[in-house]
Amino acid sequence: MDFIFKNIFGSEKHPDILISFLNATLKPKYPIVKVNIK
C-alpha cells in the first residue's frame, strides 16, 4: 500500500496529482499551488 501511494502521489513527474489530493483533503484557506518532492 505504501509503495502504491508513493508511486502515485510522490512522483516528481506528476506533482499536480499530489497538489489536488492535498487541497481536497486539507481544504486550506489558500490552495496549495506548488510542492517540493524529495
PDB file of N, CA and C in Angstrom:
ATOM      1  N   MET A   1       0.827  -1.187   0.000  1.00  0.00           N
ATOM      2  CA  MET A   1       0.000   0.000   0.000  1.00  0.00           C
ATOM      3  C   MET A   1       0.871   1.251   0.000  1.00  0.00           C
ATOM      4  N   ASP A   2       1.877   1.287   0.850  1.00  0.00           N
ATOM      5  CA  ASP A   2       2.766   2.451   0.923  1.00  0.00           C
ATOM      6  C   ASP A   2       3.491   2.654  -0.400  1.00  0.00           C
ATOM      7  N   PHE A   3       3.903   1.566  -1.021  1.00  0.00           N
ATOM      8  CA  PHE A   3       4.594   1.626  -2.310  1.00  0.00           C
ATOM      9  C   PHE A   3       3.696   2.259  -3.372  1.00  0.00           C
ATOM     10  N   ILE A   4       2.450   1.849  -3.410  1.00  0.00           N
ATOM     11  CA  ILE A   4       1.496   2.388  -4.387  1.00  0.00           C
ATOM     12  C   ILE A   4       1.242   3.861  -4.120  1.00  0.00           C
ATOM     13  N   PHE A   5       1.025   4.225  -2.868  1.00  0.00           N
ATOM     14  CA  PHE A   5       0.789   5.627  -2.503  1.00  0.00           C
ATOM     15  C   PHE A   5       1.958   6.499  -2.941  1.00  0.00           C
ATOM     16  N   LYS A   6       3.173   6.068  -2.653  1.00  0.00           N
ATOM     17  CA  LYS A   6       4.362   6.848  -3.022  1.00  0.00           C
ATOM     18  C   LYS A   6       4.505   6.964  -4.535  1.00  0.00           C
ATOM     19  N   ASN A   7       4.179   5.913  -5.255  1.00  0.00           N
ATOM     20  CA  ASN A   7       4.286   5.964  -6.714  1.00  0.00           C
ATOM     21  C   ASN A   7       3.245   6.883  -7.334  1.00  0.00           C
ATOM     22  N   ILE A   8       2.078   6.966  -6.743  1.00  0.00           N
ATOM     23  CA  ILE A   8       1.035   7.835  -7.288  1.00  0.00           C
ATOM     24  C   ILE A   8       1.236   9.274  -6.846  1.00  0.00           C
ATOM     25  N   PHE A   9       1.372   9.497  -5.549  1.00  0.00           N
ATOM     26  CA  PHE A   9       1.395  10.856  -5.013  1.00  0.00           C
ATOM     27  C   PHE A   9       2.794  11.424  -4.820  1.00  0.00           C
ATOM     28  N   GLY A  10       3.811  10.598  -4.859  1.00  0.00           N
ATOM     29  CA  GLY A  10       5.164  11.076  -4.618  1.00  0.00           C
ATOM     30  C   GLY A  10       6.014  11.174  -5.868  1.00  0.00           C
ATOM     31  N   SER A  11       5.375  11.163  -7.009  1.00  0.00           N
ATOM     32  CA  SER A  11       6.111  11.201  -8.266  1.00  0.00           C
ATOM     33  C   SER A  11       6.448  12.632  -8.664  1.00  0.00           C
ATOM     34  N   GLU A  12       7.721  12.867  -8.947  1.00  0.00           N
ATOM     35  CA  GLU A  12       8.148  14.193  -9.400  1.00  0.00           C
ATOM     36  C   GLU A  12       7.606  14.506 -10.792  1.00  0.00           C
ATOM     37  N   LYS A  13       7.196  13.486 -11.509  1.00  0.00           N
ATOM     38  CA  LYS A  13       6.667  13.673 -12.862  1.00  0.00           C
ATOM     39  C   LYS A  13       5.242  14.221 -12.853  1.00  0.00           C
ATOM     40  N   HIS A  14       4.503  13.976 -11.755  1.00  0.00           N
ATOM     41  CA  HIS A  14       3.098  14.364 -11.706  1.00  0.00           C
ATOM     42  C   HIS A  14       2.741  15.044 -10.378  1.00  0.00           C
ATOM     43  N   PRO A  15       3.336  16.195 -10.093  1.00  0.00           N
ATOM     44  CA  PRO A  15       3.037  16.854  -8.815  1.00  0.00           C
ATOM     45  C   PRO A  15       1.595  17.347  -8.725  1.00  0.00           C
ATOM     46  N   ASP A  16       0.932  17.529  -9.864  1.00  0.00           N
ATOM     47  CA  ASP A  16      -0.445  18.001  -9.859  1.00  0.00           C
ATOM     48  C   ASP A  16      -1.386  17.029  -9.157  1.00  0.00           C
ATOM     49  N   ILE A  17      -1.080  15.740  -9.216  1.00  0.00           N
ATOM     50  CA  ILE A  17      -1.909  14.747  -8.525  1.00  0.00           C
ATOM     51  C   ILE A  17      -1.804  14.942  -7.013  1.00  0.00           C
ATOM     52  N   LEU A  18      -0.597  15.139  -6.513  1.00  0.00           N
ATOM     53  CA  LEU A  18      -0.390  15.365  -5.082  1.00  0.00           C
ATOM     54  C   LEU A  18      -1.037  16.670  -4.644  1.00  0.00           C
ATOM     55  N   ILE A  19      -0.888  17.724  -5.433  1.00  0.00           N
ATOM     56  CA  ILE A  19      -1.479  19.024  -5.096  1.00  0.00           C
ATOM     57  C   ILE A  19      -2.998  18.902  -5.008  1.00  0.00           C
ATOM     58  N   SER A  20      -3.613  18.233  -5.955  1.00  0.00           N
ATOM     59  CA  SER A  20      -5.067  18.036  -5.929  1.00  0.00           C
ATOM     60  C   SER A  20      -5.498  17.250  -4.699  1.00  0.00           C
ATOM     61  N   PHE A  21      -4.753  16.200  -4.375  1.00  0.00           N
ATOM     62  CA  PHE A  21      -5.061  15.383  -3.202  1.00  0.00           C
ATOM     63  C   PHE A  21      -4.962  16.208  -1.920  1.00  0.00           C
ATOM     64  N   LEU A  22      -3.882  16.975  -1.775  1.00  0.00           N
ATOM     65  CA  LEU A  22      -3.693  17.782  -0.570  1.00  0.00           C
ATOM     66  C   LEU A  22      -4.772  18.847  -0.434  1.00  0.00           C
ATOM     67  N   ASN A  23      -5.110  19.523  -1.516  1.00  0.00           N
ATOM     68  CA  ASN A  23      -6.145  20.549  -1.461  1.00  0.00           C
ATOM     69  C   ASN A  23      -7.512  19.957  -1.126  1.00  0.00           C
ATOM     70  N   ALA A  24      -7.824  18.795  -1.682  1.00  0.00           N
ATOM     71  CA  ALA A  24      -9.106  18.149  -1.407  1.00  0.00           C
ATOM     72  C   ALA A  24      -9.180  17.631   0.021  1.00  0.00           C
ATOM     73  N   THR A  25      -8.070  17.133   0.540  1.00  0.00           N
ATOM     74  CA  THR A  25      -8.045  16.554   1.882  1.00  0.00           C
ATOM     75  C   THR A  25      -7.953  17.611   2.973  1.00  0.00           C
ATOM     76  N   LEU A  26      -7.047  18.556   2.810  1.00  0.00           N
ATOM     77  CA  LEU A  26      -6.781  19.550   3.854  1.00  0.00           C
ATOM     78  C   LEU A  26      -7.704  20.765   3.790  1.00  0.00           C
ATOM     79  N   LYS A  27      -8.222  21.064   2.593  1.00  0.00           N
ATOM     80  CA  LYS A  27      -9.074  22.232   2.377  1.00  0.00           C
ATOM     81  C   LYS A  27      -8.467  23.498   3.003  1.00  0.00           C
ATOM     82  N   PRO A  28      -7.239  23.844   2.574  1.00  0.00           N
ATOM     83  CA  PRO A  28      -6.574  25.017   3.154  1.00  0.00           C
ATOM     84  C   PRO A  28      -7.260  26.315   2.739  1.00  0.00           C
ATOM     85  N   LYS A  29      -7.080  27.359   3.545  1.00  0.00           N
ATOM     86  CA  LYS A  29      -7.661  28.670   3.246  1.00  0.00           C
ATOM     87  C   LYS A  29      -7.166  29.161   1.893  1.00  0.00           C
ATOM     88  N   TYR A  30      -5.877  28.978   1.640  1.00  0.00           N
ATOM     89  CA  TYR A  30      -5.272  29.326   0.356  1.00  0.00           C
ATOM     90  C   TYR A  30      -4.809  28.030  -0.297  1.00  0.00           C
ATOM     91  N   PRO A  31      -5.259  27.756  -1.502  1.00  0.00           N
ATOM     92  CA  PRO A  31      -4.913  26.489  -2.153  1.00  0.00           C
ATOM     93  C   PRO A  31      -3.404  26.299  -2.318  1.00  0.00           C
ATOM     94  N   ILE A  32      -2.987  25.069  -2.192  1.00  0.00           N
ATOM     95  CA  ILE A  32      -1.597  24.702  -2.438  1.00  0.00           C
ATOM     96  C   ILE A  32      -1.394  24.732  -3.952  1.00  0.00           C
ATOM     97  N   VAL A  33      -0.346  25.396  -4.397  1.00  0.00           N
ATOM     98  CA  VAL A  33      -0.096  25.505  -5.834  1.00  0.00           C
ATOM     99  C   VAL A  33       1.232  24.887  -6.251  1.00  0.00           C
ATOM    100  N   LYS A  34       2.108  24.593  -5.272  1.00  0.00           N
ATOM    101  CA  LYS A  34       3.419  24.038  -5.595  1.00  0.00           C
ATOM    102  C   LYS A  34       3.877  23.127  -4.462  1.00  0.00           C
ATOM    103  N   VAL A  35       4.526  22.040  -4.815  1.00  0.00           N
ATOM    104  CA  VAL A  35       5.104  21.135  -3.824  1.00  0.00           C
ATOM    105  C   VAL A  35       6.527  20.791  -4.234  1.00  0.00           C
ATOM    106  N   ASN A  36       7.347  20.505  -3.246  1.00  0.00           N
ATOM    107  CA  ASN A  36       8.710  20.025  -3.474  1.00  0.00           C
ATOM    108  C   ASN A  36       8.776  18.586  -3.005  1.00  0.00           C
ATOM    109  N   ILE A  37       9.076  17.696  -3.914  1.00  0.00           N
ATOM    110  CA  ILE A  37       9.158  16.273  -3.591  1.00  0.00           C
ATOM    111  C   ILE A  37      10.626  15.889  -3.527  1.00  0.00           C
ATOM    112  N   LYS A  38      11.038  15.343  -2.382  1.00  0.00           N
ATOM    113  CA  LYS A  38      12.440  14.951  -2.200  1.00  0.00           C
ATOM    114  C   LYS A  38      12.564  13.456  -2.191  1.00  0.00           C
TER     115      LYS A  38
END
